[in-house]
Amino acid sequence: MKSLLVRILLVSAIWLPSLSFATQASQPDSLESQQKSLIQYFFAAARTGEEEVVRTFVKSGFPINQINAQSYTALMVAAYHGQSEIVKTLLHFGADTCIQDKRGNTAIMGALIKGEFSIATTLYGYDCDPTLRNKAGMTLEEFAEFWGQKDLLVK
């Protein structure tokens, strides 16, 4: 049932932008509101571990690297909240591990902050530029050292 609901929402979101200009002009708030709701639902599913919902969104063409209002991707949210199965699903479908939030942190940095060591280890298997720095000026290695987790960064 949940999968059917998600599919209906996604189909609606995909078809709504293709409506005529006159229709869009008369209901711009409604379309924007529906798009925001879909984004919120996708991120809530990533945060709470609803793997079937996340998979349905992605398979239906929802942008896997969508950034929410707080500047996070679903991969960042799942990593921060310890949702290892969601992390694996997003990685399987090609989520970018190198995207930075407004503070310059990546998904692996969020996992390190929260002590999600198995997720951090999984994410470390995906290459990002080792010279990439967050807004505090730290590379991943320096960030891990700051949080006392440098030992996790062994390939």
N, C-alpha and C. Protein backbone atom coordinates (compact mmCIF):
# COMPACT_ATOMS: atom_id res chain seq x y z
N MET A 1 0.83 -1.19 0.00
CA MET A 1 0.00 0.00 0.00
C MET A 1 0.87 1.26 0.00
N LYS A 2 1.91 1.26 0.86
CA LYS A 2 2.79 2.41 0.95
C LYS A 2 3.49 2.65 -0.39
N SER A 3 3.90 1.56 -1.04
CA SER A 3 4.56 1.64 -2.33
C SER A 3 3.62 2.24 -3.37
N LEU A 4 2.37 1.84 -3.35
CA LEU A 4 1.38 2.37 -4.29
C LEU A 4 1.19 3.87 -4.06
N LEU A 5 1.09 4.29 -2.82
CA LEU A 5 0.94 5.70 -2.49
C LEU A 5 2.13 6.51 -3.00
N VAL A 6 3.32 6.00 -2.79
CA VAL A 6 4.52 6.70 -3.25
C VAL A 6 4.51 6.82 -4.77
N ARG A 7 4.15 5.75 -5.45
CA ARG A 7 4.10 5.78 -6.92
C ARG A 7 3.09 6.81 -7.41
N ILE A 8 1.94 6.87 -6.78
CA ILE A 8 0.92 7.85 -7.17
C ILE A 8 1.46 9.26 -6.96
N LEU A 9 2.09 9.51 -5.83
CA LEU A 9 2.66 10.83 -5.57
C LEU A 9 3.73 11.19 -6.58
N LEU A 10 4.58 10.23 -6.90
CA LEU A 10 5.66 10.49 -7.86
C LEU A 10 5.13 10.73 -9.26
N VAL A 11 4.18 9.93 -9.69
CA VAL A 11 3.58 10.13 -11.02
C VAL A 11 2.93 11.51 -11.08
N SER A 12 2.24 11.88 -10.02
CA SER A 12 1.62 13.21 -9.97
C SER A 12 2.67 14.31 -10.07
N ALA A 13 3.76 14.13 -9.37
CA ALA A 13 4.81 15.16 -9.38
C ALA A 13 5.48 15.25 -10.74
N ILE A 14 5.60 14.13 -11.42
CA ILE A 14 6.25 14.13 -12.73
C ILE A 14 5.33 14.76 -13.77
N TRP A 15 4.03 14.48 -13.70
CA TRP A 15 3.09 14.99 -14.69
C TRP A 15 2.65 16.42 -14.43
N LEU A 16 2.64 16.85 -13.19
CA LEU A 16 2.18 18.21 -12.89
C LEU A 16 2.99 19.29 -13.63
N PRO A 17 4.31 19.19 -13.70
CA PRO A 17 5.06 20.23 -14.41
C PRO A 17 4.74 20.30 -15.90
N SER A 18 4.20 19.23 -16.47
CA SER A 18 3.93 19.23 -17.90
C SER A 18 2.56 19.82 -18.25
N LEU A 19 1.82 20.26 -17.26
CA LEU A 19 0.53 20.89 -17.53
C LEU A 19 0.73 22.20 -18.26
N SER A 20 -0.31 22.68 -18.86
CA SER A 20 -0.20 23.92 -19.63
C SER A 20 0.18 25.09 -18.73
N PHE A 21 0.73 26.12 -19.34
CA PHE A 21 1.17 27.30 -18.60
C PHE A 21 0.01 27.94 -17.86
N ALA A 22 -1.17 27.97 -18.49
CA ALA A 22 -2.34 28.59 -17.85
C ALA A 22 -2.71 27.86 -16.56
N THR A 23 -2.65 26.55 -16.59
CA THR A 23 -2.98 25.78 -15.40
C THR A 23 -1.94 26.02 -14.32
N GLN A 24 -0.68 26.04 -14.71
CA GLN A 24 0.38 26.28 -13.73
C GLN A 24 0.27 27.67 -13.14
N ALA A 25 -0.07 28.64 -13.97
CA ALA A 25 -0.16 30.01 -13.49
C ALA A 25 -1.27 30.17 -12.46
N SER A 26 -2.33 29.38 -12.61
CA SER A 26 -3.43 29.51 -11.67
C SER A 26 -3.19 28.79 -10.35
N GLN A 27 -2.20 27.85 -10.31
CA GLN A 27 -1.96 27.10 -9.09
C GLN A 27 -0.47 26.92 -8.81
N PRO A 28 0.34 27.99 -8.88
CA PRO A 28 1.78 27.80 -8.66
C PRO A 28 2.10 27.36 -7.24
N ASP A 29 1.35 27.84 -6.26
CA ASP A 29 1.62 27.46 -4.88
C ASP A 29 1.35 25.97 -4.65
N SER A 30 0.33 25.46 -5.32
CA SER A 30 -0.03 24.06 -5.16
C SER A 30 1.08 23.15 -5.69
N LEU A 31 1.62 23.44 -6.85
CA LEU A 31 2.70 22.64 -7.43
C LEU A 31 3.94 22.71 -6.55
N GLU A 32 4.30 23.90 -6.13
CA GLU A 32 5.47 24.07 -5.26
C GLU A 32 5.27 23.33 -3.93
N SER A 33 4.07 23.42 -3.41
CA SER A 33 3.76 22.74 -2.15
C SER A 33 3.87 21.23 -2.30
N GLN A 34 3.38 20.70 -3.42
CA GLN A 34 3.45 19.26 -3.66
C GLN A 34 4.91 18.81 -3.83
N GLN A 35 5.71 19.61 -4.51
CA GLN A 35 7.12 19.26 -4.68
C GLN A 35 7.83 19.26 -3.33
N LYS A 36 7.55 20.24 -2.50
CA LYS A 36 8.14 20.29 -1.16
C LYS A 36 7.72 19.08 -0.33
N SER A 37 6.47 18.70 -0.46
CA SER A 37 5.97 17.53 0.28
C SER A 37 6.69 16.26 -0.15
N LEU A 38 6.90 16.10 -1.45
CA LEU A 38 7.63 14.92 -1.93
C LEU A 38 9.05 14.89 -1.40
N ILE A 39 9.71 16.03 -1.42
CA ILE A 39 11.08 16.11 -0.91
C ILE A 39 11.10 15.76 0.58
N GLN A 40 10.16 16.31 1.32
CA GLN A 40 10.10 16.03 2.76
C GLN A 40 9.83 14.55 3.02
N TYR A 41 8.98 13.94 2.22
CA TYR A 41 8.66 12.53 2.39
C TYR A 41 9.88 11.66 2.09
N PHE A 42 10.60 12.00 1.03
CA PHE A 42 11.82 11.26 0.67
C PHE A 42 12.84 11.32 1.81
N PHE A 43 13.05 12.50 2.34
CA PHE A 43 14.03 12.65 3.41
C PHE A 43 13.56 11.99 4.72
N ALA A 44 12.27 12.04 4.98
CA ALA A 44 11.75 11.36 6.17
C ALA A 44 11.96 9.85 6.05
N ALA A 45 11.75 9.31 4.85
CA ALA A 45 11.98 7.88 4.63
C ALA A 45 13.45 7.52 4.83
N ALA A 46 14.34 8.37 4.35
CA ALA A 46 15.78 8.13 4.54
C ALA A 46 16.16 8.20 6.01
N ARG A 47 15.59 9.14 6.72
CA ARG A 47 15.90 9.34 8.15
C ARG A 47 15.38 8.20 9.02
N THR A 48 14.21 7.66 8.66
CA THR A 48 13.57 6.65 9.50
C THR A 48 13.79 5.22 9.02
N GLY A 49 14.52 5.06 7.93
CA GLY A 49 14.87 3.71 7.48
C GLY A 49 13.81 3.00 6.66
N GLU A 50 12.96 3.74 5.99
CA GLU A 50 11.93 3.13 5.14
C GLU A 50 12.53 2.83 3.77
N GLU A 51 13.22 1.69 3.70
CA GLU A 51 13.98 1.33 2.51
C GLU A 51 13.10 1.17 1.27
N GLU A 52 11.95 0.57 1.41
CA GLU A 52 11.06 0.38 0.26
C GLU A 52 10.62 1.72 -0.33
N VAL A 53 10.35 2.67 0.52
CA VAL A 53 9.92 3.99 0.06
C VAL A 53 11.07 4.69 -0.66
N VAL A 54 12.26 4.66 -0.07
CA VAL A 54 13.43 5.29 -0.70
C VAL A 54 13.69 4.64 -2.06
N ARG A 55 13.66 3.33 -2.11
CA ARG A 55 13.89 2.60 -3.36
C ARG A 55 12.85 2.98 -4.42
N THR A 56 11.60 3.08 -4.01
CA THR A 56 10.53 3.45 -4.95
C THR A 56 10.74 4.85 -5.50
N PHE A 57 11.09 5.78 -4.65
CA PHE A 57 11.38 7.14 -5.10
C PHE A 57 12.49 7.12 -6.16
N VAL A 58 13.58 6.47 -5.84
CA VAL A 58 14.75 6.49 -6.73
C VAL A 58 14.44 5.77 -8.04
N LYS A 59 13.80 4.63 -7.96
CA LYS A 59 13.44 3.89 -9.18
C LYS A 59 12.45 4.66 -10.05
N SER A 60 11.68 5.53 -9.45
CA SER A 60 10.70 6.33 -10.19
C SER A 60 11.31 7.60 -10.78
N GLY A 61 12.60 7.78 -10.59
CA GLY A 61 13.27 8.92 -11.19
C GLY A 61 13.50 10.11 -10.28
N PHE A 62 13.20 9.97 -9.01
CA PHE A 62 13.45 11.07 -8.08
C PHE A 62 14.97 11.29 -8.01
N PRO A 63 15.42 12.54 -8.04
CA PRO A 63 16.87 12.80 -8.02
C PRO A 63 17.53 12.34 -6.72
N ILE A 64 18.39 11.37 -6.83
CA ILE A 64 19.01 10.73 -5.66
C ILE A 64 19.86 11.71 -4.85
N ASN A 65 20.41 12.71 -5.50
CA ASN A 65 21.25 13.69 -4.81
C ASN A 65 20.50 14.99 -4.51
N GLN A 66 19.18 14.91 -4.43
CA GLN A 66 18.36 16.06 -4.07
C GLN A 66 18.86 16.65 -2.75
N ILE A 67 18.93 17.95 -2.70
CA ILE A 67 19.37 18.64 -1.48
C ILE A 67 18.13 19.25 -0.82
N ASN A 68 17.99 19.06 0.49
CA ASN A 68 16.83 19.62 1.19
C ASN A 68 17.10 21.06 1.64
N ALA A 69 16.15 21.64 2.32
CA ALA A 69 16.24 23.04 2.75
C ALA A 69 17.41 23.28 3.71
N GLN A 70 17.87 22.24 4.39
CA GLN A 70 18.99 22.37 5.32
C GLN A 70 20.34 22.10 4.66
N SER A 71 20.34 21.84 3.36
CA SER A 71 21.52 21.61 2.53
C SER A 71 22.06 20.19 2.61
N TYR A 72 21.24 19.25 3.04
CA TYR A 72 21.67 17.85 3.16
C TYR A 72 21.11 17.01 2.02
N THR A 73 21.82 15.94 1.70
CA THR A 73 21.30 14.93 0.79
C THR A 73 20.70 13.81 1.64
N ALA A 74 19.95 12.93 0.99
CA ALA A 74 19.38 11.79 1.72
C ALA A 74 20.49 10.90 2.26
N LEU A 75 21.60 10.80 1.53
CA LEU A 75 22.73 10.00 2.02
C LEU A 75 23.28 10.59 3.32
N MET A 76 23.40 11.88 3.39
CA MET A 76 23.86 12.53 4.62
C MET A 76 22.91 12.26 5.78
N VAL A 77 21.62 12.40 5.51
CA VAL A 77 20.60 12.19 6.55
C VAL A 77 20.63 10.75 7.04
N ALA A 78 20.67 9.81 6.11
CA ALA A 78 20.69 8.39 6.49
C ALA A 78 21.95 8.04 7.28
N ALA A 79 23.09 8.56 6.84
CA ALA A 79 24.36 8.29 7.54
C ALA A 79 24.32 8.85 8.95
N TYR A 80 23.85 10.07 9.11
CA TYR A 80 23.79 10.74 10.40
C TYR A 80 22.85 10.01 11.37
N HIS A 81 21.77 9.45 10.82
CA HIS A 81 20.77 8.80 11.66
C HIS A 81 20.96 7.29 11.77
N GLY A 82 22.10 6.80 11.31
CA GLY A 82 22.43 5.39 11.50
C GLY A 82 21.63 4.41 10.66
N GLN A 83 21.13 4.85 9.54
CA GLN A 83 20.32 3.99 8.68
C GLN A 83 21.20 3.30 7.63
N SER A 84 21.89 2.25 8.06
CA SER A 84 22.88 1.59 7.19
C SER A 84 22.26 0.99 5.94
N GLU A 85 21.06 0.43 6.03
CA GLU A 85 20.43 -0.15 4.84
C GLU A 85 20.06 0.94 3.82
N ILE A 86 19.63 2.07 4.31
CA ILE A 86 19.32 3.19 3.41
C ILE A 86 20.60 3.68 2.75
N VAL A 87 21.67 3.78 3.53
CA VAL A 87 22.96 4.19 2.98
C VAL A 87 23.37 3.25 1.85
N LYS A 88 23.26 1.95 2.09
CA LYS A 88 23.63 0.96 1.07
C LYS A 88 22.75 1.09 -0.17
N THR A 89 21.47 1.29 0.04
CA THR A 89 20.54 1.44 -1.09
C THR A 89 20.90 2.67 -1.91
N LEU A 90 21.11 3.79 -1.24
CA LEU A 90 21.45 5.03 -1.95
C LEU A 90 22.77 4.89 -2.70
N LEU A 91 23.74 4.25 -2.09
CA LEU A 91 25.03 4.03 -2.75
C LEU A 91 24.85 3.12 -3.97
N HIS A 92 24.03 2.09 -3.83
CA HIS A 92 23.76 1.17 -4.93
C HIS A 92 23.21 1.92 -6.15
N PHE A 93 22.36 2.90 -5.89
CA PHE A 93 21.76 3.67 -6.98
C PHE A 93 22.60 4.88 -7.40
N GLY A 94 23.79 5.01 -6.84
CA GLY A 94 24.72 6.03 -7.32
C GLY A 94 24.76 7.34 -6.57
N ALA A 95 24.35 7.36 -5.33
CA ALA A 95 24.41 8.60 -4.54
C ALA A 95 25.85 9.09 -4.47
N ASP A 96 26.03 10.39 -4.56
CA ASP A 96 27.35 11.01 -4.53
C ASP A 96 27.80 11.20 -3.08
N THR A 97 28.88 10.53 -2.71
CA THR A 97 29.39 10.61 -1.34
C THR A 97 30.19 11.89 -1.09
N CYS A 98 30.49 12.63 -2.13
CA CYS A 98 31.37 13.80 -2.00
C CYS A 98 30.63 15.13 -1.90
N ILE A 99 29.31 15.11 -2.01
CA ILE A 99 28.54 16.36 -1.89
C ILE A 99 28.72 16.92 -0.49
N GLN A 100 28.89 18.24 -0.43
CA GLN A 100 29.10 18.92 0.85
C GLN A 100 27.86 19.72 1.24
N ASP A 101 27.56 19.76 2.53
CA ASP A 101 26.46 20.57 3.02
C ASP A 101 26.92 22.02 3.19
N LYS A 102 26.08 22.87 3.77
CA LYS A 102 26.42 24.29 3.91
C LYS A 102 27.65 24.52 4.80
N ARG A 103 28.01 23.53 5.60
CA ARG A 103 29.21 23.64 6.44
C ARG A 103 30.42 22.98 5.78
N GLY A 104 30.19 22.43 4.59
CA GLY A 104 31.27 21.76 3.87
C GLY A 104 31.47 20.31 4.27
N ASN A 105 30.59 19.78 5.12
CA ASN A 105 30.72 18.40 5.57
C ASN A 105 30.06 17.44 4.57
N THR A 106 30.59 16.23 4.50
CA THR A 106 30.06 15.18 3.64
C THR A 106 29.33 14.15 4.49
N ALA A 107 28.74 13.16 3.84
CA ALA A 107 28.00 12.12 4.56
C ALA A 107 28.88 11.38 5.56
N ILE A 108 30.11 11.09 5.17
CA ILE A 108 31.00 10.36 6.08
C ILE A 108 31.31 11.20 7.33
N MET A 109 31.39 12.49 7.18
CA MET A 109 31.65 13.35 8.33
C MET A 109 30.46 13.31 9.30
N GLY A 110 29.25 13.28 8.76
CA GLY A 110 28.07 13.15 9.61
C GLY A 110 28.06 11.83 10.36
N ALA A 111 28.47 10.76 9.68
CA ALA A 111 28.54 9.45 10.33
C ALA A 111 29.58 9.46 11.44
N LEU A 112 30.70 10.11 11.22
CA LEU A 112 31.75 10.19 12.24
C LEU A 112 31.28 10.97 13.47
N ILE A 113 30.58 12.07 13.23
CA ILE A 113 30.07 12.88 14.34
C ILE A 113 29.15 12.06 15.23
N LYS A 114 28.30 11.25 14.62
CA LYS A 114 27.31 10.48 15.37
C LYS A 114 27.83 9.13 15.85
N GLY A 115 29.08 8.81 15.53
CA GLY A 115 29.64 7.54 15.97
C GLY A 115 29.09 6.34 15.20
N GLU A 116 28.65 6.57 14.00
CA GLU A 116 28.14 5.50 13.13
C GLU A 116 29.32 4.90 12.36
N PHE A 117 30.09 4.09 13.08
CA PHE A 117 31.37 3.62 12.55
C PHE A 117 31.25 2.68 11.36
N SER A 118 30.28 1.78 11.37
CA SER A 118 30.14 0.87 10.23
C SER A 118 29.72 1.64 8.98
N ILE A 119 28.88 2.65 9.15
CA ILE A 119 28.48 3.48 8.01
C ILE A 119 29.67 4.29 7.52
N ALA A 120 30.44 4.85 8.44
CA ALA A 120 31.63 5.62 8.05
C ALA A 120 32.61 4.73 7.28
N THR A 121 32.78 3.50 7.72
CA THR A 121 33.67 2.56 7.03
C THR A 121 33.15 2.27 5.63
N THR A 122 31.85 2.07 5.49
CA THR A 122 31.24 1.84 4.18
C THR A 122 31.48 3.03 3.26
N LEU A 123 31.21 4.23 3.77
CA LEU A 123 31.36 5.44 2.97
C LEU A 123 32.82 5.70 2.60
N TYR A 124 33.73 5.31 3.46
CA TYR A 124 35.15 5.53 3.19
C TYR A 124 35.62 4.70 2.00
N GLY A 125 34.89 3.65 1.68
CA GLY A 125 35.23 2.84 0.51
C GLY A 125 34.95 3.54 -0.81
N TYR A 126 34.27 4.67 -0.77
CA TYR A 126 33.97 5.45 -1.97
C TYR A 126 34.90 6.65 -2.00
N ASP A 127 35.57 6.81 -3.11
CA ASP A 127 36.60 7.84 -3.21
C ASP A 127 36.02 9.25 -3.34
N CYS A 128 36.57 10.12 -2.53
CA CYS A 128 36.37 11.56 -2.65
C CYS A 128 37.76 12.19 -2.67
N ASP A 129 37.84 13.37 -3.16
CA ASP A 129 39.10 14.10 -3.20
C ASP A 129 39.63 14.24 -1.77
N PRO A 130 40.80 13.67 -1.45
CA PRO A 130 41.32 13.74 -0.08
C PRO A 130 41.70 15.16 0.36
N THR A 131 41.78 16.10 -0.60
CA THR A 131 42.12 17.48 -0.24
C THR A 131 40.86 18.32 -0.02
N LEU A 132 39.68 17.72 -0.20
CA LEU A 132 38.42 18.42 0.02
C LEU A 132 38.35 18.88 1.47
N ARG A 133 38.00 20.15 1.67
CA ARG A 133 37.96 20.72 3.03
C ARG A 133 36.56 21.24 3.35
N ASN A 134 36.19 21.12 4.61
CA ASN A 134 34.92 21.70 5.04
C ASN A 134 35.14 23.18 5.37
N LYS A 135 34.10 23.86 5.81
CA LYS A 135 34.20 25.31 6.09
C LYS A 135 35.13 25.62 7.26
N ALA A 136 35.39 24.63 8.11
CA ALA A 136 36.34 24.80 9.21
C ALA A 136 37.78 24.59 8.73
N GLY A 137 37.92 24.26 7.44
CA GLY A 137 39.25 24.09 6.86
C GLY A 137 39.84 22.69 7.04
N MET A 138 39.02 21.74 7.47
CA MET A 138 39.53 20.38 7.73
C MET A 138 39.25 19.43 6.57
N THR A 139 40.27 18.63 6.25
CA THR A 139 40.08 17.52 5.33
C THR A 139 39.38 16.40 6.10
N LEU A 140 38.99 15.35 5.41
CA LEU A 140 38.36 14.21 6.09
C LEU A 140 39.29 13.63 7.14
N GLU A 141 40.56 13.49 6.79
CA GLU A 141 41.52 12.92 7.74
C GLU A 141 41.64 13.79 9.00
N GLU A 142 41.71 15.09 8.81
CA GLU A 142 41.80 16.01 9.96
C GLU A 142 40.50 15.99 10.78
N PHE A 143 39.38 15.91 10.08
CA PHE A 143 38.07 15.84 10.74
C PHE A 143 37.97 14.58 11.59
N ALA A 144 38.37 13.45 11.02
CA ALA A 144 38.33 12.17 11.75
C ALA A 144 39.25 12.22 12.97
N GLU A 145 40.40 12.83 12.80
CA GLU A 145 41.34 12.95 13.92
C GLU A 145 40.73 13.82 15.02
N PHE A 146 40.10 14.92 14.63
CA PHE A 146 39.45 15.82 15.59
C PHE A 146 38.40 15.08 16.41
N TRP A 147 37.65 14.18 15.77
CA TRP A 147 36.60 13.42 16.44
C TRP A 147 37.11 12.11 17.03
N GLY A 148 38.43 11.90 16.99
CA GLY A 148 39.02 10.71 17.58
C GLY A 148 38.75 9.43 16.81
N GLN A 149 38.55 9.55 15.51
CA GLN A 149 38.18 8.40 14.70
C GLN A 149 39.13 8.15 13.53
N LYS A 150 40.35 8.64 13.61
CA LYS A 150 41.28 8.51 12.50
C LYS A 150 41.56 7.05 12.14
N ASP A 151 41.49 6.15 13.11
CA ASP A 151 41.75 4.72 12.86
C ASP A 151 40.75 4.10 11.89
N LEU A 152 39.57 4.70 11.77
CA LEU A 152 38.57 4.18 10.83
C LEU A 152 38.96 4.41 9.38
N LEU A 153 39.84 5.35 9.15
CA LEU A 153 40.19 5.72 7.78
C LEU A 153 41.35 4.89 7.25
N VAL A 154 41.16 3.60 7.24
CA VAL A 154 42.17 2.68 6.73
C VAL A 154 41.52 1.85 5.64
N LYS A 155 42.11 1.91 4.45
CA LYS A 155 41.54 1.12 3.33
C LYS A 155 42.22 -0.21 3.24
